[in-house]
C-alpha atoms as a PDB file:
ATOM      1  CA  MET A   1      26.192   0.456 -33.909  1.00  0.00           C
ATOM      2  CA  PRO A   2      29.313  -1.568 -34.699  1.00  0.00           C
ATOM      3  CA  GLN A   3      30.412   1.175 -36.944  1.00  0.00           C
ATOM      4  CA  VAL A   4      31.326   3.272 -34.058  1.00  0.00           C
ATOM      5  CA  PRO A   5      34.791   2.400 -32.987  1.00  0.00           C
ATOM      6  CA  GLU A   6      35.703   1.720 -29.512  1.00  0.00           C
ATOM      7  CA  LYS A   7      37.733   4.846 -28.985  1.00  0.00           C
ATOM      8  CA  THR A   8      34.806   6.961 -30.146  1.00  0.00           C
ATOM      9  CA  TRP A   9      32.618   5.315 -27.343  1.00  0.00           C
ATOM     10  CA  LYS A  10      34.725   5.074 -24.802  1.00  0.00           C
ATOM     11  CA  GLU A  11      34.785   8.911 -25.812  1.00  0.00           C
ATOM     12  CA  VAL A  12      30.881   8.976 -25.407  1.00  0.00           C
ATOM     13  CA  ILE A  13      30.605   6.947 -21.974  1.00  0.00           C
ATOM     14  CA  THR A  14      33.699   8.924 -20.730  1.00  0.00           C
ATOM     15  CA  GLU A  15      31.562  12.364 -21.667  1.00  0.00           C
ATOM     16  CA  LEU A  16      28.301  11.067 -20.051  1.00  0.00           C
ATOM     17  CA  ARG A  17      29.204   9.362 -17.476  1.00  0.00           C
ATOM     18  CA  PHE A  18      27.086  10.303 -14.688  1.00  0.00           C
ATOM     19  CA  ASN A  19      29.305  12.643 -11.731  1.00  0.00           C
ATOM     20  CA  SER A  20      28.934  13.969  -8.686  1.00  0.00           C
ATOM     21  CA  ASP A  21      28.281  17.321 -10.254  1.00  0.00           C
ATOM     22  CA  MET A  22      25.151  15.886 -11.853  1.00  0.00           C
ATOM     23  CA  VAL A  23      24.162  14.408  -8.285  1.00  0.00           C
ATOM     24  CA  LEU A  24      24.346  17.937  -6.631  1.00  0.00           C
ATOM     25  CA  GLN A  25      22.033  19.286  -9.970  1.00  0.00           C
ATOM     26  CA  ILE A  26      19.614  16.911  -9.112  1.00  0.00           C
ATOM     27  CA  TYR A  27      19.696  17.386  -5.122  1.00  0.00           C
ATOM     28  CA  ILE A  28      20.761  20.710  -4.521  1.00  0.00           C
ATOM     29  CA  PRO A  29      17.359  22.147  -5.812  1.00  0.00           C
ATOM     30  CA  ILE A  30      15.517  19.444  -3.380  1.00  0.00           C
ATOM     31  CA  TYR A  31      16.796  19.399  -0.041  1.00  0.00           C
ATOM     32  CA  ASP A  32      16.424  23.652  -0.757  1.00  0.00           C
ATOM     33  CA  TRP A  33      13.358  23.196  -1.488  1.00  0.00           C
ATOM     34  CA  HIS A  34      12.585  21.028   1.581  1.00  0.00           C
ATOM     35  CA  TYR A  35      14.801  22.233   4.195  1.00  0.00           C
ATOM     36  CA  THR A  36      16.083  25.324   5.567  1.00  0.00           C
ATOM     37  CA  GLY A  37      20.153  25.909   5.656  1.00  0.00           C
ATOM     38  CA  GLU A  38      20.070  25.245   9.601  1.00  0.00           C
ATOM     39  CA  GLU A  39      17.891  21.823   8.934  1.00  0.00           C
ATOM     40  CA  ILE A  40      20.084  20.668   6.098  1.00  0.00           C
ATOM     41  CA  LYS A  41      23.220  21.531   9.000  1.00  0.00           C
ATOM     42  CA  GLN A  42      21.257  18.974  11.341  1.00  0.00           C
ATOM     43  CA  LEU A  43      20.827  16.601   9.115  1.00  0.00           C
ATOM     44  CA  LEU A  44      24.448  16.575   8.045  1.00  0.00           C
ATOM     45  CA  ALA A  45      24.894  16.844  12.122  1.00  0.00           C
ATOM     46  CA  PHE A  46      22.732  12.980  12.577  1.00  0.00           C
ATOM     47  CA  TYR A  47      24.095  11.522   9.418  1.00  0.00           C
ATOM     48  CA  GLU A  48      27.840  12.400  10.739  1.00  0.00           C
ATOM     49  CA  SER A  49      26.761  10.367  13.878  1.00  0.00           C
ATOM     50  CA  PRO A  50      26.910   6.775  14.639  1.00  0.00           C
ATOM     51  CA  MET A  51      23.065   6.745  14.505  1.00  0.00           C
ATOM     52  CA  GLY A  52      23.182   8.394  11.350  1.00  0.00           C
ATOM     53  CA  ARG A  53      25.352   6.023   9.713  1.00  0.00           C
ATOM     54  CA  LYS A  54      23.666   3.131  11.261  1.00  0.00           C
ATOM     55  CA  GLU A  55      20.561   4.838   9.261  1.00  0.00           C
ATOM     56  CA  ILE A  56      22.750   4.815   6.009  1.00  0.00           C
ATOM     57  CA  ARG A  57      23.343   1.011   5.939  1.00  0.00           C
ATOM     58  CA  SER A  58      20.159   0.360   6.908  1.00  0.00           C
ATOM     59  CA  SER A  59      17.589   1.667   5.073  1.00  0.00           C
ATOM     60  CA  GLU A  60      18.098   0.610   2.225  1.00  0.00           C
ATOM     61  CA  LEU A  61      17.782  -3.367   3.564  1.00  0.00           C
ATOM     62  CA  MET A  62      14.454  -1.651   5.539  1.00  0.00           C
ATOM     63  CA  LYS A  63      13.034  -0.837   2.258  1.00  0.00           C
ATOM     64  CA  LEU A  64      13.350  -3.966  -0.030  1.00  0.00           C
ATOM     65  CA  GLN A  65      12.317  -5.623   3.810  1.00  0.00           C
ATOM     66  CA  ALA A  66       9.404  -3.417   3.378  1.00  0.00           C
ATOM     67  CA  ILE A  67       8.663  -4.054  -0.137  1.00  0.00           C
ATOM     68  CA  ALA A  68       9.114  -8.140   0.171  1.00  0.00           C
ATOM     69  CA  ARG A  69       6.745  -7.813   3.356  1.00  0.00           C
ATOM     70  CA  SER A  70       4.215  -5.639   1.450  1.00  0.00           C
ATOM     71  CA  ARG A  71       4.221  -8.135  -1.741  1.00  0.00           C
ATOM     72  CA  ARG A  72       3.307 -10.752   0.983  1.00  0.00           C
ATOM     73  CA  ILE A  73       0.633  -9.258   2.455  1.00  0.00           C
ATOM     74  CA  VAL A  74      -0.741  -8.408  -1.251  1.00  0.00           C
ATOM     75  CA  LYS A  75      -0.804 -11.634  -2.201  1.00  0.00           C
ATOM     76  CA  GLU A  76      -2.625 -13.062   0.698  1.00  0.00           C
ATOM     77  CA  LEU A  77      -5.270 -10.195   0.380  1.00  0.00           C
ATOM     78  CA  ILE A  78      -5.739 -11.372  -3.327  1.00  0.00           C
ATOM     79  CA  GLU A  79      -6.374 -14.775  -2.345  1.00  0.00           C
ATOM     80  CA  ARG A  80      -8.262 -13.943   0.183  1.00  0.00           C
ATOM     81  CA  ILE A  81     -11.095 -12.108  -2.048  1.00  0.00           C
ATOM     82  CA  GLN A  82     -10.489 -14.710  -4.615  1.00  0.00           C
ATOM     83  CA  GLU A  83     -11.875 -17.170  -1.621  1.00  0.00           C
ATOM     84  CA  LYS A  84     -14.617 -15.276  -0.942  1.00  0.00           C
ATOM     85  CA  LEU A  85     -15.822 -14.505  -4.401  1.00  0.00           C
ATOM     86  CA  ARG A  86     -15.177 -18.101  -5.648  1.00  0.00           C
ATOM     87  CA  ALA A  87     -17.526 -18.566  -2.203  1.00  0.00           C
ATOM     88  CA  LYS A  88     -20.193 -16.579  -3.503  1.00  0.00           C
ATOM     89  CA  GLY A  89     -20.213 -18.062  -7.058  1.00  0.00           C
ATOM     90  CA  TYR A  90     -17.972 -16.294  -9.048  1.00  0.00           C
ATOM     91  CA  LYS A  91     -15.290 -18.021 -11.065  1.00  0.00           C
ATOM     92  CA  SER A  92     -11.523 -16.484 -11.651  1.00  0.00           C
ATOM     93  CA  ALA A  93     -10.505 -15.447 -14.823  1.00  0.00           C
ATOM     94  CA  ALA A  94      -7.173 -17.167 -14.787  1.00  0.00           C
END
């Protein structure tokens, strides 16, 4: 929208910027639903521990690695299924 001045864009973006209050509004009810107050204290203690900090650092990479492995396994499974179907005389649609 080139007709909107840069100053207005900055105001709008600043007003809509995702902030910590929004994060709290999202997560507090979810955590409140799944955990008791005592369990939250235990989670906080864990994530403040050396192992908890390692979990924070490692978990995202582990998720990405799991996704990559699962894609590879699914691809291999699809290829095996296609081979079996071709062996029975069925042709691929591709």
